Amino acid sequence: MEPGPALPPSMELHDSVRAFAVTLAQTLQARGALFSLELSEELRRGKRLLLLGLLAGGLLHMALLALTGLIVVAFWDTHRLDALAAAFAVYLASATAACLMLRACLAANHEPFAASLQEMRRDLAALGPLQ
């Protein structure tokens, strides 16, 4: 089999550059789609956490108010100030514990867009050391 006519070096370079550009565009498109998917998941997760937290906080607040009222009414004639002080101490301790748990959750290293960053690291590693 005889090789075809040799292309001029400028055509080979042009084809190589074009192939590189197409590959780069496809890679960027795939990474962009992954980033977009992760961004929408993070937004959905954040909204869900916010709504659930607000709902839980509101309902817990109502329950604690009702419990406090019930305790104060039960001890109204004998120890109403003691009942209020005890409720205050319990709420303060619970709020402190919740703040500590919140701080621990925020300190936990949840890296957003981890999959996109990992893919970009793989792409850079595949290119080899740039010199």
N, C-alpha and C. Protein backbone atom coordinates (compact mmCIF):
# COMPACT_ATOMS: atom_id res chain seq x y z
N MET A 1 0.83 -1.16 0.00
CA MET A 1 0.00 0.00 0.00
C MET A 1 0.89 1.24 0.00
N GLU A 2 0.62 2.12 -0.90
CA GLU A 2 1.42 3.32 -1.00
C GLU A 2 0.81 4.43 -0.15
N PRO A 3 1.68 5.15 0.52
CA PRO A 3 1.14 6.28 1.29
C PRO A 3 0.57 7.32 0.36
N GLY A 4 -0.44 8.03 0.86
CA GLY A 4 -1.07 9.10 0.08
C GLY A 4 -0.10 10.25 -0.09
N PRO A 5 -0.54 11.23 -0.79
CA PRO A 5 0.33 12.38 -1.00
C PRO A 5 0.63 13.06 0.33
N ALA A 6 1.84 13.45 0.50
CA ALA A 6 2.26 14.09 1.74
C ALA A 6 1.63 15.47 1.84
N LEU A 7 1.10 15.75 3.02
CA LEU A 7 0.51 17.07 3.25
C LEU A 7 1.61 18.06 3.56
N PRO A 8 1.43 19.28 3.19
CA PRO A 8 2.41 20.29 3.57
C PRO A 8 2.44 20.41 5.09
N PRO A 9 3.60 20.72 5.68
CA PRO A 9 3.70 20.83 7.13
C PRO A 9 2.68 21.79 7.73
N SER A 10 2.32 22.84 7.01
CA SER A 10 1.35 23.79 7.56
C SER A 10 -0.02 23.14 7.70
N MET A 11 -0.39 22.23 6.80
CA MET A 11 -1.68 21.54 6.89
C MET A 11 -1.67 20.56 8.07
N GLU A 12 -0.55 19.86 8.28
CA GLU A 12 -0.46 18.93 9.41
C GLU A 12 -0.58 19.69 10.72
N LEU A 13 0.08 20.82 10.82
CA LEU A 13 0.00 21.63 12.02
C LEU A 13 -1.42 22.14 12.21
N HIS A 14 -2.04 22.59 11.13
CA HIS A 14 -3.42 23.09 11.20
C HIS A 14 -4.36 22.00 11.69
N ASP A 15 -4.21 20.78 11.16
CA ASP A 15 -5.07 19.67 11.58
C ASP A 15 -4.81 19.29 13.03
N SER A 16 -3.57 19.33 13.45
CA SER A 16 -3.24 19.02 14.84
C SER A 16 -3.84 20.06 15.79
N VAL A 17 -3.71 21.32 15.42
CA VAL A 17 -4.27 22.38 16.26
C VAL A 17 -5.79 22.26 16.31
N ARG A 18 -6.40 21.96 15.18
CA ARG A 18 -7.85 21.80 15.14
C ARG A 18 -8.29 20.61 16.00
N ALA A 19 -7.57 19.49 15.93
CA ALA A 19 -7.91 18.32 16.74
C ALA A 19 -7.74 18.63 18.23
N PHE A 20 -6.67 19.36 18.55
CA PHE A 20 -6.46 19.77 19.94
C PHE A 20 -7.60 20.66 20.42
N ALA A 21 -8.02 21.62 19.59
CA ALA A 21 -9.09 22.53 19.97
C ALA A 21 -10.40 21.78 20.18
N VAL A 22 -10.68 20.81 19.32
CA VAL A 22 -11.90 20.02 19.47
C VAL A 22 -11.85 19.21 20.77
N THR A 23 -10.71 18.60 21.04
CA THR A 23 -10.56 17.83 22.27
C THR A 23 -10.69 18.72 23.50
N LEU A 24 -10.08 19.88 23.45
CA LEU A 24 -10.18 20.83 24.56
C LEU A 24 -11.62 21.27 24.77
N ALA A 25 -12.32 21.56 23.69
CA ALA A 25 -13.72 21.99 23.80
C ALA A 25 -14.59 20.88 24.39
N GLN A 26 -14.36 19.64 23.95
CA GLN A 26 -15.14 18.52 24.49
C GLN A 26 -14.85 18.32 25.97
N THR A 27 -13.59 18.45 26.36
CA THR A 27 -13.22 18.31 27.76
C THR A 27 -13.86 19.41 28.61
N LEU A 28 -13.79 20.63 28.13
CA LEU A 28 -14.40 21.75 28.87
C LEU A 28 -15.91 21.59 28.96
N GLN A 29 -16.52 21.09 27.90
CA GLN A 29 -17.96 20.87 27.92
C GLN A 29 -18.33 19.81 28.96
N ALA A 30 -17.57 18.71 29.00
CA ALA A 30 -17.85 17.66 29.98
C ALA A 30 -17.63 18.17 31.41
N ARG A 31 -16.55 18.90 31.63
CA ARG A 31 -16.28 19.44 32.97
C ARG A 31 -17.33 20.48 33.36
N GLY A 32 -17.75 21.27 32.41
CA GLY A 32 -18.79 22.26 32.68
C GLY A 32 -20.12 21.62 33.04
N ALA A 33 -20.45 20.53 32.35
CA ALA A 33 -21.69 19.82 32.67
C ALA A 33 -21.62 19.22 34.07
N LEU A 34 -20.47 18.66 34.44
CA LEU A 34 -20.30 18.10 35.78
C LEU A 34 -20.40 19.20 36.84
N PHE A 35 -19.75 20.33 36.58
CA PHE A 35 -19.80 21.44 37.52
C PHE A 35 -21.23 21.95 37.68
N SER A 36 -21.95 22.07 36.58
CA SER A 36 -23.34 22.53 36.62
C SER A 36 -24.21 21.57 37.43
N LEU A 37 -24.01 20.30 37.25
CA LEU A 37 -24.77 19.29 38.01
C LEU A 37 -24.46 19.39 39.49
N GLU A 38 -23.19 19.51 39.83
CA GLU A 38 -22.82 19.61 41.24
C GLU A 38 -23.34 20.90 41.86
N LEU A 39 -23.31 21.99 41.11
CA LEU A 39 -23.83 23.26 41.62
C LEU A 39 -25.31 23.17 41.91
N SER A 40 -26.08 22.57 41.02
CA SER A 40 -27.52 22.44 41.26
C SER A 40 -27.78 21.52 42.45
N GLU A 41 -26.98 20.47 42.61
CA GLU A 41 -27.15 19.58 43.77
C GLU A 41 -26.83 20.30 45.07
N GLU A 42 -25.77 21.10 45.08
CA GLU A 42 -25.41 21.85 46.29
C GLU A 42 -26.50 22.88 46.64
N LEU A 43 -27.04 23.55 45.63
CA LEU A 43 -28.11 24.51 45.89
C LEU A 43 -29.36 23.82 46.43
N ARG A 44 -29.72 22.69 45.83
CA ARG A 44 -30.88 21.93 46.30
C ARG A 44 -30.66 21.44 47.72
N ARG A 45 -29.48 20.96 48.01
CA ARG A 45 -29.15 20.48 49.36
C ARG A 45 -29.21 21.62 50.37
N GLY A 46 -28.67 22.78 50.01
CA GLY A 46 -28.70 23.93 50.90
C GLY A 46 -30.11 24.40 51.20
N LYS A 47 -30.95 24.46 50.16
CA LYS A 47 -32.35 24.87 50.36
C LYS A 47 -33.08 23.89 51.27
N ARG A 48 -32.86 22.61 51.03
CA ARG A 48 -33.53 21.58 51.83
C ARG A 48 -33.09 21.68 53.29
N LEU A 49 -31.80 21.83 53.52
CA LEU A 49 -31.31 21.95 54.89
C LEU A 49 -31.87 23.19 55.58
N LEU A 50 -31.92 24.29 54.85
CA LEU A 50 -32.46 25.52 55.43
C LEU A 50 -33.93 25.37 55.80
N LEU A 51 -34.72 24.83 54.89
CA LEU A 51 -36.15 24.66 55.17
C LEU A 51 -36.39 23.70 56.33
N LEU A 52 -35.68 22.59 56.33
CA LEU A 52 -35.85 21.63 57.43
C LEU A 52 -35.41 22.22 58.75
N GLY A 53 -34.33 22.98 58.73
CA GLY A 53 -33.85 23.62 59.95
C GLY A 53 -34.84 24.65 60.48
N LEU A 54 -35.41 25.45 59.58
CA LEU A 54 -36.41 26.44 60.00
C LEU A 54 -37.66 25.77 60.54
N LEU A 55 -38.10 24.73 59.87
CA LEU A 55 -39.29 24.01 60.33
C LEU A 55 -39.04 23.38 61.70
N ALA A 56 -37.93 22.70 61.84
CA ALA A 56 -37.61 22.06 63.12
C ALA A 56 -37.46 23.11 64.22
N GLY A 57 -36.79 24.20 63.93
CA GLY A 57 -36.61 25.25 64.93
C GLY A 57 -37.93 25.88 65.36
N GLY A 58 -38.79 26.16 64.41
CA GLY A 58 -40.09 26.75 64.73
C GLY A 58 -40.96 25.82 65.56
N LEU A 59 -41.02 24.57 65.16
CA LEU A 59 -41.84 23.61 65.91
C LEU A 59 -41.26 23.34 67.30
N LEU A 60 -39.95 23.27 67.40
CA LEU A 60 -39.33 23.08 68.70
C LEU A 60 -39.58 24.29 69.60
N HIS A 61 -39.53 25.46 69.03
CA HIS A 61 -39.81 26.68 69.80
C HIS A 61 -41.23 26.64 70.37
N MET A 62 -42.18 26.26 69.54
CA MET A 62 -43.58 26.18 70.01
C MET A 62 -43.72 25.13 71.11
N ALA A 63 -43.07 24.00 70.95
CA ALA A 63 -43.15 22.95 71.96
C ALA A 63 -42.53 23.40 73.28
N LEU A 64 -41.41 24.09 73.21
CA LEU A 64 -40.77 24.56 74.43
C LEU A 64 -41.60 25.63 75.14
N LEU A 65 -42.24 26.50 74.38
CA LEU A 65 -43.12 27.49 74.99
C LEU A 65 -44.30 26.81 75.70
N ALA A 66 -44.88 25.83 75.04
CA ALA A 66 -46.01 25.12 75.65
C ALA A 66 -45.55 24.37 76.91
N LEU A 67 -44.38 23.73 76.84
CA LEU A 67 -43.87 23.01 78.01
C LEU A 67 -43.58 23.97 79.16
N THR A 68 -42.99 25.10 78.85
CA THR A 68 -42.69 26.08 79.89
C THR A 68 -43.99 26.57 80.55
N GLY A 69 -44.97 26.87 79.73
CA GLY A 69 -46.26 27.30 80.28
C GLY A 69 -46.89 26.23 81.16
N LEU A 70 -46.82 24.99 80.73
CA LEU A 70 -47.38 23.89 81.52
C LEU A 70 -46.66 23.75 82.86
N ILE A 71 -45.35 23.84 82.85
CA ILE A 71 -44.58 23.71 84.10
C ILE A 71 -44.87 24.87 85.04
N VAL A 72 -44.91 26.07 84.52
CA VAL A 72 -45.18 27.24 85.37
C VAL A 72 -46.58 27.16 85.95
N VAL A 73 -47.56 26.76 85.15
CA VAL A 73 -48.92 26.62 85.67
C VAL A 73 -48.98 25.54 86.75
N ALA A 74 -48.25 24.44 86.54
CA ALA A 74 -48.28 23.35 87.54
C ALA A 74 -47.67 23.79 88.87
N PHE A 75 -46.66 24.64 88.84
CA PHE A 75 -46.00 25.06 90.08
C PHE A 75 -46.36 26.51 90.46
N TRP A 76 -47.44 27.05 89.94
CA TRP A 76 -47.78 28.45 90.14
C TRP A 76 -47.90 28.83 91.62
N ASP A 77 -48.54 28.01 92.41
CA ASP A 77 -48.78 28.36 93.81
C ASP A 77 -47.56 28.18 94.70
N THR A 78 -46.62 27.31 94.30
CA THR A 78 -45.51 27.00 95.22
C THR A 78 -44.15 27.51 94.73
N HIS A 79 -43.76 27.16 93.54
CA HIS A 79 -42.39 27.43 93.09
C HIS A 79 -42.34 27.95 91.65
N ARG A 80 -43.13 28.97 91.36
CA ARG A 80 -43.17 29.44 89.97
C ARG A 80 -41.84 30.03 89.50
N LEU A 81 -41.12 30.75 90.34
CA LEU A 81 -39.82 31.30 89.94
C LEU A 81 -38.78 30.20 89.75
N ASP A 82 -38.83 29.20 90.62
CA ASP A 82 -37.92 28.06 90.47
C ASP A 82 -38.20 27.31 89.16
N ALA A 83 -39.46 27.16 88.82
CA ALA A 83 -39.82 26.48 87.57
C ALA A 83 -39.32 27.26 86.36
N LEU A 84 -39.50 28.57 86.38
CA LEU A 84 -38.99 29.40 85.28
C LEU A 84 -37.47 29.36 85.19
N ALA A 85 -36.79 29.40 86.34
CA ALA A 85 -35.32 29.34 86.35
C ALA A 85 -34.82 28.00 85.81
N ALA A 86 -35.50 26.92 86.20
CA ALA A 86 -35.10 25.59 85.70
C ALA A 86 -35.30 25.49 84.19
N ALA A 87 -36.42 26.01 83.69
CA ALA A 87 -36.67 25.99 82.25
C ALA A 87 -35.62 26.82 81.52
N PHE A 88 -35.29 27.97 82.08
CA PHE A 88 -34.24 28.81 81.49
C PHE A 88 -32.91 28.07 81.42
N ALA A 89 -32.54 27.39 82.51
CA ALA A 89 -31.27 26.66 82.55
C ALA A 89 -31.24 25.54 81.51
N VAL A 90 -32.35 24.83 81.38
CA VAL A 90 -32.42 23.74 80.39
C VAL A 90 -32.30 24.31 78.98
N TYR A 91 -33.00 25.41 78.70
CA TYR A 91 -32.94 26.00 77.37
C TYR A 91 -31.55 26.55 77.06
N LEU A 92 -30.93 27.15 78.03
CA LEU A 92 -29.59 27.68 77.84
C LEU A 92 -28.58 26.56 77.56
N ALA A 93 -28.67 25.48 78.32
CA ALA A 93 -27.78 24.33 78.10
C ALA A 93 -28.02 23.71 76.73
N SER A 94 -29.28 23.60 76.34
CA SER A 94 -29.61 23.02 75.03
C SER A 94 -29.11 23.91 73.90
N ALA A 95 -29.27 25.22 74.04
CA ALA A 95 -28.80 26.15 73.02
C ALA A 95 -27.27 26.11 72.90
N THR A 96 -26.60 25.98 74.03
CA THR A 96 -25.14 25.88 74.01
C THR A 96 -24.70 24.62 73.28
N ALA A 97 -25.36 23.50 73.58
CA ALA A 97 -25.03 22.23 72.91
C ALA A 97 -25.29 22.33 71.41
N ALA A 98 -26.39 22.96 71.03
CA ALA A 98 -26.72 23.11 69.61
C ALA A 98 -25.68 23.98 68.91
N CYS A 99 -25.24 25.04 69.55
CA CYS A 99 -24.21 25.90 68.96
C CYS A 99 -22.89 25.15 68.79
N LEU A 100 -22.54 24.33 69.75
CA LEU A 100 -21.31 23.54 69.63
C LEU A 100 -21.41 22.53 68.50
N MET A 101 -22.59 21.90 68.35
CA MET A 101 -22.77 20.94 67.25
C MET A 101 -22.75 21.66 65.90
N LEU A 102 -23.34 22.85 65.84
CA LEU A 102 -23.32 23.63 64.61
C LEU A 102 -21.89 24.01 64.24
N ARG A 103 -21.12 24.42 65.20
CA ARG A 103 -19.72 24.77 64.95
C ARG A 103 -18.94 23.55 64.45
N ALA A 104 -19.21 22.38 65.01
CA ALA A 104 -18.54 21.15 64.56
C ALA A 104 -18.94 20.81 63.12
N CYS A 105 -20.22 21.00 62.80
CA CYS A 105 -20.66 20.73 61.43
C CYS A 105 -20.02 21.69 60.44
N LEU A 106 -19.91 22.95 60.81
CA LEU A 106 -19.29 23.92 59.93
C LEU A 106 -17.79 23.68 59.78
N ALA A 107 -17.17 23.15 60.84
CA ALA A 107 -15.73 22.88 60.79
C ALA A 107 -15.42 21.62 59.97
N ALA A 108 -16.41 20.73 59.84
CA ALA A 108 -16.19 19.52 59.04
C ALA A 108 -15.89 19.95 57.61
N ASN A 109 -14.86 19.40 57.05
CA ASN A 109 -14.39 19.86 55.74
C ASN A 109 -15.22 19.24 54.63
N HIS A 110 -16.35 19.87 54.32
CA HIS A 110 -17.17 19.45 53.19
C HIS A 110 -16.73 20.26 51.98
N GLU A 111 -16.02 19.61 51.08
CA GLU A 111 -15.48 20.33 49.93
C GLU A 111 -16.52 20.36 48.81
N PRO A 112 -17.07 21.55 48.54
CA PRO A 112 -18.02 21.61 47.43
C PRO A 112 -17.32 21.39 46.10
N PHE A 113 -18.03 20.80 45.18
CA PHE A 113 -17.55 20.53 43.83
C PHE A 113 -16.33 19.60 43.83
N ALA A 114 -16.35 18.63 44.73
CA ALA A 114 -15.22 17.72 44.85
C ALA A 114 -15.00 16.91 43.58
N ALA A 115 -16.07 16.45 42.94
CA ALA A 115 -15.92 15.64 41.73
C ALA A 115 -15.31 16.46 40.59
N SER A 116 -15.76 17.69 40.44
CA SER A 116 -15.20 18.54 39.38
C SER A 116 -13.72 18.81 39.62
N LEU A 117 -13.38 19.13 40.87
CA LEU A 117 -11.98 19.39 41.18
C LEU A 117 -11.12 18.15 40.98
N GLN A 118 -11.65 16.99 41.34
CA GLN A 118 -10.90 15.74 41.15
C GLN A 118 -10.65 15.48 39.66
N GLU A 119 -11.67 15.71 38.83
CA GLU A 119 -11.51 15.51 37.39
C GLU A 119 -10.49 16.48 36.81
N MET A 120 -10.50 17.71 37.29
CA MET A 120 -9.52 18.68 36.80
C MET A 120 -8.10 18.27 37.21
N ARG A 121 -7.96 17.74 38.44
CA ARG A 121 -6.65 17.27 38.88
C ARG A 121 -6.17 16.11 37.99
N ARG A 122 -7.10 15.21 37.65
CA ARG A 122 -6.74 14.09 36.77
C ARG A 122 -6.32 14.60 35.41
N ASP A 123 -7.06 15.59 34.89
CA ASP A 123 -6.70 16.16 33.58
C ASP A 123 -5.29 16.76 33.61
N LEU A 124 -5.00 17.51 34.67
CA LEU A 124 -3.66 18.12 34.77
C LEU A 124 -2.58 17.06 34.93
N ALA A 125 -2.87 16.01 35.69
CA ALA A 125 -1.89 14.93 35.86
C ALA A 125 -1.65 14.21 34.53
N ALA A 126 -2.71 14.05 33.72
CA ALA A 126 -2.58 13.38 32.43
C ALA A 126 -1.73 14.21 31.45
N LEU A 127 -1.77 15.51 31.60
CA LEU A 127 -0.94 16.36 30.73
C LEU A 127 0.53 16.25 31.06
N GLY A 128 0.82 15.80 32.27
CA GLY A 128 2.22 15.69 32.68
C GLY A 128 2.74 17.00 33.17
N PRO A 129 3.97 16.99 33.62
CA PRO A 129 4.55 18.25 34.14
C PRO A 129 4.75 19.23 32.98
N LEU A 130 4.25 20.41 33.19
CA LEU A 130 4.43 21.46 32.17
C LEU A 130 5.71 22.21 32.47
N GLN A 131 6.56 22.32 31.48
CA GLN A 131 7.85 22.97 31.70
C GLN A 131 8.04 24.09 30.72
